[in-house]
Amino acid sequence: MNKIFPVRNQDRWVLGIDGMWLHRFGVVMICRDVTNGVNLWWSWQPSESFKNLVDDFHQVYLLTLKNSPSGVVSDWKGSIVSLKEAFFPGVPHQRCLAHLLREGKSLLPKGSPFFFTLELRKIFQEIMFITDPADYFDWSQKLDEWAARYGGLLKVRSTNPETKHGWWYTHGNLRRAVGLLTKNQESLFVYLHHPLIPKTNNSLEGVNSQLKRKLGDHRGIPAHQQVNFCFWAVAFSRVKSPADLKRLWASLRKEIPGGINTLI
């Protein structure tokens, strides 16, 4: 697709990276120019490990060599963070707040009987409405006040009442939720200093949701056909006009031995 429709990033743009899991069959990774709405590269990987994603980053690097991204937005997986810095060092990297909020809500259920959990959940939800440094200051004050009142709960430990050996943090989910908001906090608010970078990866989330809906209409197809289906759907997103479609089919007939059916 990139040979037929060469990538042309002429202005400043942001790279979005996300994956759509096919349950136990692996993940379809998509790299997208979220500023202009163009899917640049996609692949199937057994997992989102450093080893599996390094080629994806290398391909995107080669595709955008003449005009590298001005920013990156992702779900902040460790492998993605490391590879971003390796291939695009110094480029601002925003952690997707939509992913963060979903993770926070799962750790802090709205039906919790603990008021301190519900208060922290509310602070999580308010992070999506921060639009300027003044909003951030108010939000940060609320988080500091919560920590001053309930921070001691994060150190409470429990032991096995039967063996009396071994211990764990009593409020483990609470600790993890607080860690999401406090560790590498600067990655949560990159968008405040770089307006071009979105606070969420919603552009790619939209692509993934469409793929999931289309796969839902074809339940029961084998795993490899699910991957092929996703690849064709993403590939056709590059087709913007009847002329593009004609150009695509002509190129495929010419370049693929045995015809187009060999790809299906």
C-alpha atoms as a PDB file:
ATOM      1  CA  MET A   1       0.000   0.000   0.000  1.00  0.00           C
ATOM      2  CA  ASN A   2       2.846   2.388   0.745  1.00  0.00           C
ATOM      3  CA  LYS A   3       4.304   1.713  -2.707  1.00  0.00           C
ATOM      4  CA  ILE A   4       0.962   2.386  -4.374  1.00  0.00           C
ATOM      5  CA  PHE A   5       0.070   5.356  -2.188  1.00  0.00           C
ATOM      6  CA  PRO A   6       3.360   6.861  -0.937  1.00  0.00           C
ATOM      7  CA  VAL A   7       3.263   8.486   2.483  1.00  0.00           C
ATOM      8  CA  ARG A   8       3.466  12.270   2.281  1.00  0.00           C
ATOM      9  CA  ASN A   9       3.838  13.918   5.677  1.00  0.00           C
ATOM     10  CA  GLN A  10       4.421  17.501   4.583  1.00  0.00           C
ATOM     11  CA  ASP A  11       3.465  19.280   7.803  1.00  0.00           C
ATOM     12  CA  ARG A  12       3.892  18.659  11.499  1.00  0.00           C
ATOM     13  CA  TRP A  13       2.083  15.510  12.531  1.00  0.00           C
ATOM     14  CA  VAL A  14       1.636  13.069  15.434  1.00  0.00           C
ATOM     15  CA  LEU A  15       2.218   9.314  15.393  1.00  0.00           C
ATOM     16  CA  GLY A  16      -0.360   7.147  17.160  1.00  0.00           C
ATOM     17  CA  ILE A  17       0.430   3.535  18.066  1.00  0.00           C
ATOM     18  CA  ASP A  18      -2.051   0.979  19.342  1.00  0.00           C
ATOM     19  CA  GLY A  19      -2.944  -2.682  19.029  1.00  0.00           C
ATOM     20  CA  MET A  20      -6.185  -4.623  18.709  1.00  0.00           C
ATOM     21  CA  TRP A  21      -6.041  -7.975  20.443  1.00  0.00           C
ATOM     22  CA  LEU A  22      -7.590 -10.984  18.737  1.00  0.00           C
ATOM     23  CA  HIS A  23      -8.036 -12.756  22.061  1.00  0.00           C
ATOM     24  CA  ARG A  24      -5.365 -15.476  22.299  1.00  0.00           C
ATOM     25  CA  PHE A  25      -4.469 -15.186  18.600  1.00  0.00           C
ATOM     26  CA  GLY A  26      -2.159 -12.203  19.044  1.00  0.00           C
ATOM     27  CA  VAL A  27      -2.512  -8.530  18.269  1.00  0.00           C
ATOM     28  CA  VAL A  28      -2.917  -6.415  15.137  1.00  0.00           C
ATOM     29  CA  MET A  29      -0.634  -3.403  15.583  1.00  0.00           C
ATOM     30  CA  ILE A  30      -1.469  -0.171  13.767  1.00  0.00           C
ATOM     31  CA  CYS A  31       0.722   2.913  13.408  1.00  0.00           C
ATOM     32  CA  ARG A  32      -1.262   5.958  12.308  1.00  0.00           C
ATOM     33  CA  ASP A  33      -0.755   9.584  11.445  1.00  0.00           C
ATOM     34  CA  VAL A  34      -3.478  10.754  13.824  1.00  0.00           C
ATOM     35  CA  THR A  35      -3.167  14.368  12.692  1.00  0.00           C
ATOM     36  CA  ASN A  36      -4.131  13.627   9.078  1.00  0.00           C
ATOM     37  CA  GLY A  37      -6.025  10.371   9.688  1.00  0.00           C
ATOM     38  CA  VAL A  38      -3.742   8.070   7.653  1.00  0.00           C
ATOM     39  CA  ASN A  39      -2.834   4.501   8.628  1.00  0.00           C
ATOM     40  CA  LEU A  40       0.891   4.222   7.928  1.00  0.00           C
ATOM     41  CA  TRP A  41       1.818   0.674   8.915  1.00  0.00           C
ATOM     42  CA  TRP A  42       0.119  -2.413  10.313  1.00  0.00           C
ATOM     43  CA  SER A  43       1.230  -5.888  11.272  1.00  0.00           C
ATOM     44  CA  TRP A  44       0.252  -8.970  13.233  1.00  0.00           C
ATOM     45  CA  GLN A  45       2.319  -9.803  16.315  1.00  0.00           C
ATOM     46  CA  PRO A  46       2.021 -12.564  18.930  1.00  0.00           C
ATOM     47  CA  SER A  47       2.473  -9.922  21.662  1.00  0.00           C
ATOM     48  CA  GLU A  48       3.472  -6.297  22.244  1.00  0.00           C
ATOM     49  CA  SER A  49       7.012  -7.165  23.325  1.00  0.00           C
ATOM     50  CA  PHE A  50      10.105  -5.149  22.412  1.00  0.00           C
ATOM     51  CA  LYS A  51      11.343  -7.915  20.093  1.00  0.00           C
ATOM     52  CA  ASN A  52       8.043  -8.109  18.214  1.00  0.00           C
ATOM     53  CA  LEU A  53       7.554  -4.362  17.767  1.00  0.00           C
ATOM     54  CA  VAL A  54      11.065  -3.327  16.773  1.00  0.00           C
ATOM     55  CA  ASP A  55      10.435  -4.016  13.067  1.00  0.00           C
ATOM     56  CA  ASP A  56       7.209  -1.968  13.126  1.00  0.00           C
ATOM     57  CA  PHE A  57       9.087   1.022  14.498  1.00  0.00           C
ATOM     58  CA  HIS A  58      11.865   0.528  11.963  1.00  0.00           C
ATOM     59  CA  GLN A  59       9.389   0.510   9.079  1.00  0.00           C
ATOM     60  CA  VAL A  60       7.649   3.657  10.330  1.00  0.00           C
ATOM     61  CA  TYR A  61      11.041   5.295  10.782  1.00  0.00           C
ATOM     62  CA  LEU A  62      11.925   4.536   7.141  1.00  0.00           C
ATOM     63  CA  LEU A  63       8.529   5.671   5.868  1.00  0.00           C
ATOM     64  CA  THR A  64       8.760   9.016   7.642  1.00  0.00           C
ATOM     65  CA  LEU A  65      12.492   9.633   7.305  1.00  0.00           C
ATOM     66  CA  LYS A  66      11.990  12.924   5.448  1.00  0.00           C
ATOM     67  CA  ASN A  67       9.508  14.248   7.987  1.00  0.00           C
ATOM     68  CA  SER A  68       9.594  12.562  11.388  1.00  0.00           C
ATOM     69  CA  PRO A  69       6.633  12.909  13.761  1.00  0.00           C
ATOM     70  CA  SER A  70       6.432  15.950  16.012  1.00  0.00           C
ATOM     71  CA  GLY A  71       4.891  13.835  18.771  1.00  0.00           C
ATOM     72  CA  VAL A  72       3.743  10.350  19.722  1.00  0.00           C
ATOM     73  CA  VAL A  73       0.667   9.137  21.592  1.00  0.00           C
ATOM     74  CA  SER A  74       0.302   5.579  22.904  1.00  0.00           C
ATOM     75  CA  ASP A  75      -0.932   3.508  25.837  1.00  0.00           C
ATOM     76  CA  TRP A  76       2.574   3.736  27.359  1.00  0.00           C
ATOM     77  CA  LYS A  77       3.533   0.074  27.152  1.00  0.00           C
ATOM     78  CA  GLY A  78       7.146  -0.356  28.249  1.00  0.00           C
ATOM     79  CA  SER A  79       8.223  -1.722  24.859  1.00  0.00           C
ATOM     80  CA  ILE A  80       6.620   1.212  23.011  1.00  0.00           C
ATOM     81  CA  VAL A  81       8.219   3.766  25.338  1.00  0.00           C
ATOM     82  CA  SER A  82      11.670   2.229  24.821  1.00  0.00           C
ATOM     83  CA  LEU A  83      11.324   1.892  21.050  1.00  0.00           C
ATOM     84  CA  LYS A  84       9.992   5.436  20.685  1.00  0.00           C
ATOM     85  CA  GLU A  85      13.075   6.790  22.392  1.00  0.00           C
ATOM     86  CA  ALA A  86      15.322   4.572  20.278  1.00  0.00           C
ATOM     87  CA  PHE A  87      13.849   5.571  16.902  1.00  0.00           C
ATOM     88  CA  PHE A  88      12.486   9.051  17.676  1.00  0.00           C
ATOM     89  CA  PRO A  89      14.660  10.333  20.533  1.00  0.00           C
ATOM     90  CA  GLY A  90      13.482  13.491  22.229  1.00  0.00           C
ATOM     91  CA  VAL A  91      10.082  13.509  20.505  1.00  0.00           C
ATOM     92  CA  PRO A  92       7.301  14.364  23.032  1.00  0.00           C
ATOM     93  CA  HIS A  93       5.347  11.242  24.026  1.00  0.00           C
ATOM     94  CA  GLN A  94       1.829  11.557  25.420  1.00  0.00           C
ATOM     95  CA  ARG A  95       0.293   8.742  27.443  1.00  0.00           C
ATOM     96  CA  CYS A  96      -3.263   8.111  26.251  1.00  0.00           C
ATOM     97  CA  LEU A  97      -5.595   9.351  28.983  1.00  0.00           C
ATOM     98  CA  ALA A  98      -8.474   7.190  27.714  1.00  0.00           C
ATOM     99  CA  HIS A  99      -6.415   4.050  28.383  1.00  0.00           C
ATOM    100  CA  LEU A 100      -5.383   5.455  31.758  1.00  0.00           C
ATOM    101  CA  LEU A 101      -8.979   6.210  32.738  1.00  0.00           C
ATOM    102  CA  ARG A 102     -10.188   2.724  31.799  1.00  0.00           C
ATOM    103  CA  GLU A 103      -7.428   1.151  33.868  1.00  0.00           C
ATOM    104  CA  GLY A 104      -8.184   3.447  36.800  1.00  0.00           C
ATOM    105  CA  LYS A 105     -11.903   2.629  36.725  1.00  0.00           C
ATOM    106  CA  SER A 106     -11.164  -1.101  36.744  1.00  0.00           C
ATOM    107  CA  LEU A 107      -9.007  -0.656  39.864  1.00  0.00           C
ATOM    108  CA  LEU A 108     -11.525   1.670  41.554  1.00  0.00           C
ATOM    109  CA  PRO A 109     -15.016   0.194  41.023  1.00  0.00           C
ATOM    110  CA  LYS A 110     -17.919   2.624  41.293  1.00  0.00           C
ATOM    111  CA  GLY A 111     -19.722   0.160  43.590  1.00  0.00           C
ATOM    112  CA  SER A 112     -16.933   0.206  46.170  1.00  0.00           C
ATOM    113  CA  PRO A 113     -18.102   0.609  49.785  1.00  0.00           C
ATOM    114  CA  PHE A 114     -14.993   2.675  50.612  1.00  0.00           C
ATOM    115  CA  PHE A 115     -15.383   6.436  50.341  1.00  0.00           C
ATOM    116  CA  PHE A 116     -11.648   6.937  49.794  1.00  0.00           C
ATOM    117  CA  THR A 117     -11.842   4.691  46.712  1.00  0.00           C
ATOM    118  CA  LEU A 118     -14.789   6.654  45.341  1.00  0.00           C
ATOM    119  CA  GLU A 119     -13.004   9.963  45.919  1.00  0.00           C
ATOM    120  CA  LEU A 120      -9.924   8.766  44.039  1.00  0.00           C
ATOM    121  CA  ARG A 121     -12.143   7.465  41.226  1.00  0.00           C
ATOM    122  CA  LYS A 122     -13.623  10.958  40.907  1.00  0.00           C
ATOM    123  CA  ILE A 123     -10.119  12.447  40.676  1.00  0.00           C
ATOM    124  CA  PHE A 124      -9.350   9.945  37.907  1.00  0.00           C
ATOM    125  CA  GLN A 125     -12.419  11.023  35.955  1.00  0.00           C
ATOM    126  CA  GLU A 126     -11.568  14.707  36.268  1.00  0.00           C
ATOM    127  CA  ILE A 127      -8.224  14.235  34.533  1.00  0.00           C
ATOM    128  CA  MET A 128     -10.014  14.190  31.170  1.00  0.00           C
ATOM    129  CA  PHE A 129     -11.239  17.768  31.695  1.00  0.00           C
ATOM    130  CA  ILE A 130      -7.831  19.365  32.266  1.00  0.00           C
ATOM    131  CA  THR A 131      -7.295  21.832  29.417  1.00  0.00           C
ATOM    132  CA  ASP A 132      -4.719  24.304  30.744  1.00  0.00           C
ATOM    133  CA  PRO A 133      -2.102  24.689  33.525  1.00  0.00           C
ATOM    134  CA  ALA A 134      -4.666  26.273  35.859  1.00  0.00           C
ATOM    135  CA  ASP A 135      -6.868  23.177  35.586  1.00  0.00           C
ATOM    136  CA  TYR A 136      -3.836  21.002  36.254  1.00  0.00           C
ATOM    137  CA  PHE A 137      -2.981  23.015  39.383  1.00  0.00           C
ATOM    138  CA  ASP A 138      -6.509  22.564  40.793  1.00  0.00           C
ATOM    139  CA  TRP A 139      -6.521  18.848  39.945  1.00  0.00           C
ATOM    140  CA  SER A 140      -3.053  18.345  41.460  1.00  0.00           C
ATOM    141  CA  GLN A 141      -4.197  20.022  44.682  1.00  0.00           C
ATOM    142  CA  LYS A 142      -7.100  17.565  44.949  1.00  0.00           C
ATOM    143  CA  LEU A 143      -4.725  14.642  44.478  1.00  0.00           C
ATOM    144  CA  ASP A 144      -2.346  16.030  47.135  1.00  0.00           C
ATOM    145  CA  GLU A 145      -5.238  16.524  49.569  1.00  0.00           C
ATOM    146  CA  TRP A 146      -6.404  12.948  48.981  1.00  0.00           C
ATOM    147  CA  ALA A 147      -2.856  11.679  49.639  1.00  0.00           C
ATOM    148  CA  ALA A 148      -2.632  13.733  52.839  1.00  0.00           C
ATOM    149  CA  ARG A 149      -5.874  12.230  54.182  1.00  0.00           C
ATOM    150  CA  TYR A 150      -5.649   8.647  52.989  1.00  0.00           C
ATOM    151  CA  GLY A 151      -2.028   8.077  51.966  1.00  0.00           C
ATOM    152  CA  GLY A 152      -1.416   6.001  55.084  1.00  0.00           C
ATOM    153  CA  LEU A 153      -3.742   3.310  53.689  1.00  0.00           C
ATOM    154  CA  LEU A 154      -1.228   2.598  50.943  1.00  0.00           C
ATOM    155  CA  LYS A 155       1.235   1.219  53.538  1.00  0.00           C
ATOM    156  CA  VAL A 156      -1.198  -1.064  55.389  1.00  0.00           C
ATOM    157  CA  ARG A 157      -0.164  -4.713  55.139  1.00  0.00           C
ATOM    158  CA  SER A 158      -2.031  -7.970  55.694  1.00  0.00           C
ATOM    159  CA  THR A 159      -0.696 -11.408  56.599  1.00  0.00           C
ATOM    160  CA  ASN A 160      -2.105 -14.863  56.068  1.00  0.00           C
ATOM    161  CA  PRO A 161      -4.120 -15.566  59.255  1.00  0.00           C
ATOM    162  CA  GLU A 162      -3.441 -19.304  58.984  1.00  0.00           C
ATOM    163  CA  THR A 163       0.305 -19.400  58.377  1.00  0.00           C
ATOM    164  CA  LYS A 164       1.270 -16.014  59.849  1.00  0.00           C
ATOM    165  CA  HIS A 165       3.921 -15.899  57.129  1.00  0.00           C
ATOM    166  CA  GLY A 166       4.040 -13.712  54.064  1.00  0.00           C
ATOM    167  CA  TRP A 167       2.296 -10.403  53.630  1.00  0.00           C
ATOM    168  CA  TRP A 168       0.774  -8.198  50.963  1.00  0.00           C
ATOM    169  CA  TYR A 169      -0.569  -4.684  50.737  1.00  0.00           C
ATOM    170  CA  THR A 170      -4.155  -4.635  51.958  1.00  0.00           C
ATOM    171  CA  HIS A 171      -5.230  -2.021  49.403  1.00  0.00           C
ATOM    172  CA  GLY A 172      -3.216  -3.252  46.433  1.00  0.00           C
ATOM    173  CA  ASN A 173      -5.570  -1.856  43.775  1.00  0.00           C
ATOM    174  CA  LEU A 174      -5.564   1.501  45.521  1.00  0.00           C
ATOM    175  CA  ARG A 175      -1.754   1.560  45.436  1.00  0.00           C
ATOM    176  CA  ARG A 176      -1.726   0.712  41.734  1.00  0.00           C
ATOM    177  CA  ALA A 177      -4.283   3.422  40.981  1.00  0.00           C
ATOM    178  CA  VAL A 178      -2.271   6.061  42.840  1.00  0.00           C
ATOM    179  CA  GLY A 179       0.850   4.906  40.995  1.00  0.00           C
ATOM    180  CA  LEU A 180      -0.878   5.502  37.663  1.00  0.00           C
ATOM    181  CA  LEU A 181      -1.433   9.138  38.616  1.00  0.00           C
ATOM    182  CA  THR A 182       1.914   9.859  40.243  1.00  0.00           C
ATOM    183  CA  LYS A 183       4.625   7.829  38.480  1.00  0.00           C
ATOM    184  CA  ASN A 184       5.902   9.530  35.315  1.00  0.00           C
ATOM    185  CA  GLN A 185       3.187  12.118  35.781  1.00  0.00           C
ATOM    186  CA  GLU A 186       4.755  14.391  33.163  1.00  0.00           C
ATOM    187  CA  SER A 187       3.765  11.863  30.485  1.00  0.00           C
ATOM    188  CA  LEU A 188       0.094  12.492  31.284  1.00  0.00           C
ATOM    189  CA  PHE A 189       0.172  16.200  30.451  1.00  0.00           C
ATOM    190  CA  VAL A 190       2.462  16.509  27.435  1.00  0.00           C
ATOM    191  CA  TYR A 191      -0.513  17.845  25.459  1.00  0.00           C
ATOM    192  CA  LEU A 192      -0.651  20.947  27.673  1.00  0.00           C
ATOM    193  CA  HIS A 193       2.731  22.065  26.310  1.00  0.00           C
ATOM    194  CA  HIS A 194       2.330  20.675  22.774  1.00  0.00           C
ATOM    195  CA  PRO A 195      -1.159  21.534  21.451  1.00  0.00           C
ATOM    196  CA  LEU A 196      -0.700  19.430  18.302  1.00  0.00           C
ATOM    197  CA  ILE A 197      -0.521  16.250  20.392  1.00  0.00           C
ATOM    198  CA  PRO A 198      -3.941  14.877  21.452  1.00  0.00           C
ATOM    199  CA  LYS A 199      -4.536  13.719  25.014  1.00  0.00           C
ATOM    200  CA  THR A 200      -6.016  10.420  23.819  1.00  0.00           C
ATOM    201  CA  ASN A 201      -5.487   7.907  21.048  1.00  0.00           C
ATOM    202  CA  ASN A 202      -9.140   8.176  20.023  1.00  0.00           C
ATOM    203  CA  SER A 203      -8.255   8.372  16.333  1.00  0.00           C
ATOM    204  CA  LEU A 204      -6.806   4.862  16.530  1.00  0.00           C
ATOM    205  CA  GLU A 205      -9.459   3.704  18.973  1.00  0.00           C
ATOM    206  CA  GLY A 206     -11.992   4.514  16.260  1.00  0.00           C
ATOM    207  CA  VAL A 207     -10.126   2.306  13.784  1.00  0.00           C
ATOM    208  CA  ASN A 208      -9.985  -0.551  16.299  1.00  0.00           C
ATOM    209  CA  SER A 209     -13.676  -0.254  17.190  1.00  0.00           C
ATOM    210  CA  GLN A 210     -14.618  -0.435  13.501  1.00  0.00           C
ATOM    211  CA  LEU A 211     -12.474  -3.538  13.042  1.00  0.00           C
ATOM    212  CA  LYS A 212     -14.043  -5.184  16.093  1.00  0.00           C
ATOM    213  CA  ARG A 213     -17.536  -4.406  14.818  1.00  0.00           C
ATOM    214  CA  LYS A 214     -16.752  -5.818  11.385  1.00  0.00           C
ATOM    215  CA  LEU A 215     -15.202  -8.944  12.885  1.00  0.00           C
ATOM    216  CA  GLY A 216     -18.327  -9.300  15.026  1.00  0.00           C
ATOM    217  CA  ASP A 217     -20.371  -9.479  11.813  1.00  0.00           C
ATOM    218  CA  HIS A 218     -18.207 -12.423  10.704  1.00  0.00           C
ATOM    219  CA  ARG A 219     -18.013 -14.527  13.848  1.00  0.00           C
ATOM    220  CA  GLY A 220     -16.379 -17.915  13.602  1.00  0.00           C
ATOM    221  CA  ILE A 221     -13.799 -17.220  10.896  1.00  0.00           C
ATOM    222  CA  PRO A 222     -10.349 -18.756  11.583  1.00  0.00           C
ATOM    223  CA  ALA A 223      -7.657 -16.691  13.266  1.00  0.00           C
ATOM    224  CA  HIS A 224      -5.511 -16.204  10.146  1.00  0.00           C
ATOM    225  CA  GLN A 225      -8.556 -15.015   8.220  1.00  0.00           C
ATOM    226  CA  GLN A 226      -9.354 -12.543  11.011  1.00  0.00           C
ATOM    227  CA  VAL A 227      -5.872 -11.082  10.549  1.00  0.00           C
ATOM    228  CA  ASN A 228      -6.308 -10.942   6.752  1.00  0.00           C
ATOM    229  CA  PHE A 229      -9.707  -9.313   7.193  1.00  0.00           C
ATOM    230  CA  CYS A 230      -8.207  -6.608   9.424  1.00  0.00           C
ATOM    231  CA  PHE A 231      -5.338  -6.026   6.995  1.00  0.00           C
ATOM    232  CA  TRP A 232      -7.698  -5.566   4.044  1.00  0.00           C
ATOM    233  CA  ALA A 233      -9.950  -3.254   6.031  1.00  0.00           C
ATOM    234  CA  VAL A 234      -7.021  -1.053   7.087  1.00  0.00           C
ATOM    235  CA  ALA A 235      -5.546  -1.163   3.579  1.00  0.00           C
ATOM    236  CA  PHE A 236      -8.782   0.065   2.022  1.00  0.00           C
ATOM    237  CA  SER A 237      -8.783   2.997   4.426  1.00  0.00           C
ATOM    238  CA  ARG A 238      -6.043   4.407   2.180  1.00  0.00           C
ATOM    239  CA  VAL A 239      -8.441   4.412  -0.782  1.00  0.00           C
ATOM    240  CA  LYS A 240     -10.042   7.852  -0.968  1.00  0.00           C
ATOM    241  CA  SER A 241     -11.585   7.950  -4.460  1.00  0.00           C
ATOM    242  CA  PRO A 242     -12.678   5.737  -7.387  1.00  0.00           C
ATOM    243  CA  ALA A 243      -9.400   6.640  -9.095  1.00  0.00           C
ATOM    244  CA  ASP A 244      -7.479   5.337  -6.063  1.00  0.00           C
ATOM    245  CA  LEU A 245      -9.457   2.095  -6.172  1.00  0.00           C
ATOM    246  CA  LYS A 246      -8.722   1.600  -9.853  1.00  0.00           C
ATOM    247  CA  ARG A 247      -5.062   2.276  -9.219  1.00  0.00           C
ATOM    248  CA  LEU A 248      -4.994  -0.222  -6.344  1.00  0.00           C
ATOM    249  CA  TRP A 249      -6.534  -3.084  -8.333  1.00  0.00           C
ATOM    250  CA  ALA A 250      -4.305  -2.421 -11.341  1.00  0.00           C
ATOM    251  CA  SER A 251      -1.203  -2.519  -9.138  1.00  0.00           C
ATOM    252  CA  LEU A 252      -2.271  -5.703  -7.368  1.00  0.00           C
ATOM    253  CA  ARG A 253      -2.999  -7.528 -10.638  1.00  0.00           C
ATOM    254  CA  LYS A 254       0.412  -6.543 -11.954  1.00  0.00           C
ATOM    255  CA  GLU A 255       2.542  -7.227  -8.883  1.00  0.00           C
ATOM    256  CA  ILE A 256       0.998 -10.320  -7.234  1.00  0.00           C
ATOM    257  CA  PRO A 257       1.918 -13.706  -8.789  1.00  0.00           C
ATOM    258  CA  GLY A 258      -1.163 -15.848  -9.199  1.00  0.00           C
ATOM    259  CA  GLY A 259      -3.596 -12.960  -8.902  1.00  0.00           C
ATOM    260  CA  ILE A 260      -5.332 -11.118  -6.102  1.00  0.00           C
ATOM    261  CA  ASN A 261      -7.017 -14.263  -4.737  1.00  0.00           C
ATOM    262  CA  THR A 262      -3.660 -15.442  -3.387  1.00  0.00           C
ATOM    263  CA  LEU A 263      -3.903 -12.716  -0.736  1.00  0.00           C
ATOM    264  CA  ILE A 264      -7.276 -13.873   0.550  1.00  0.00           C
END
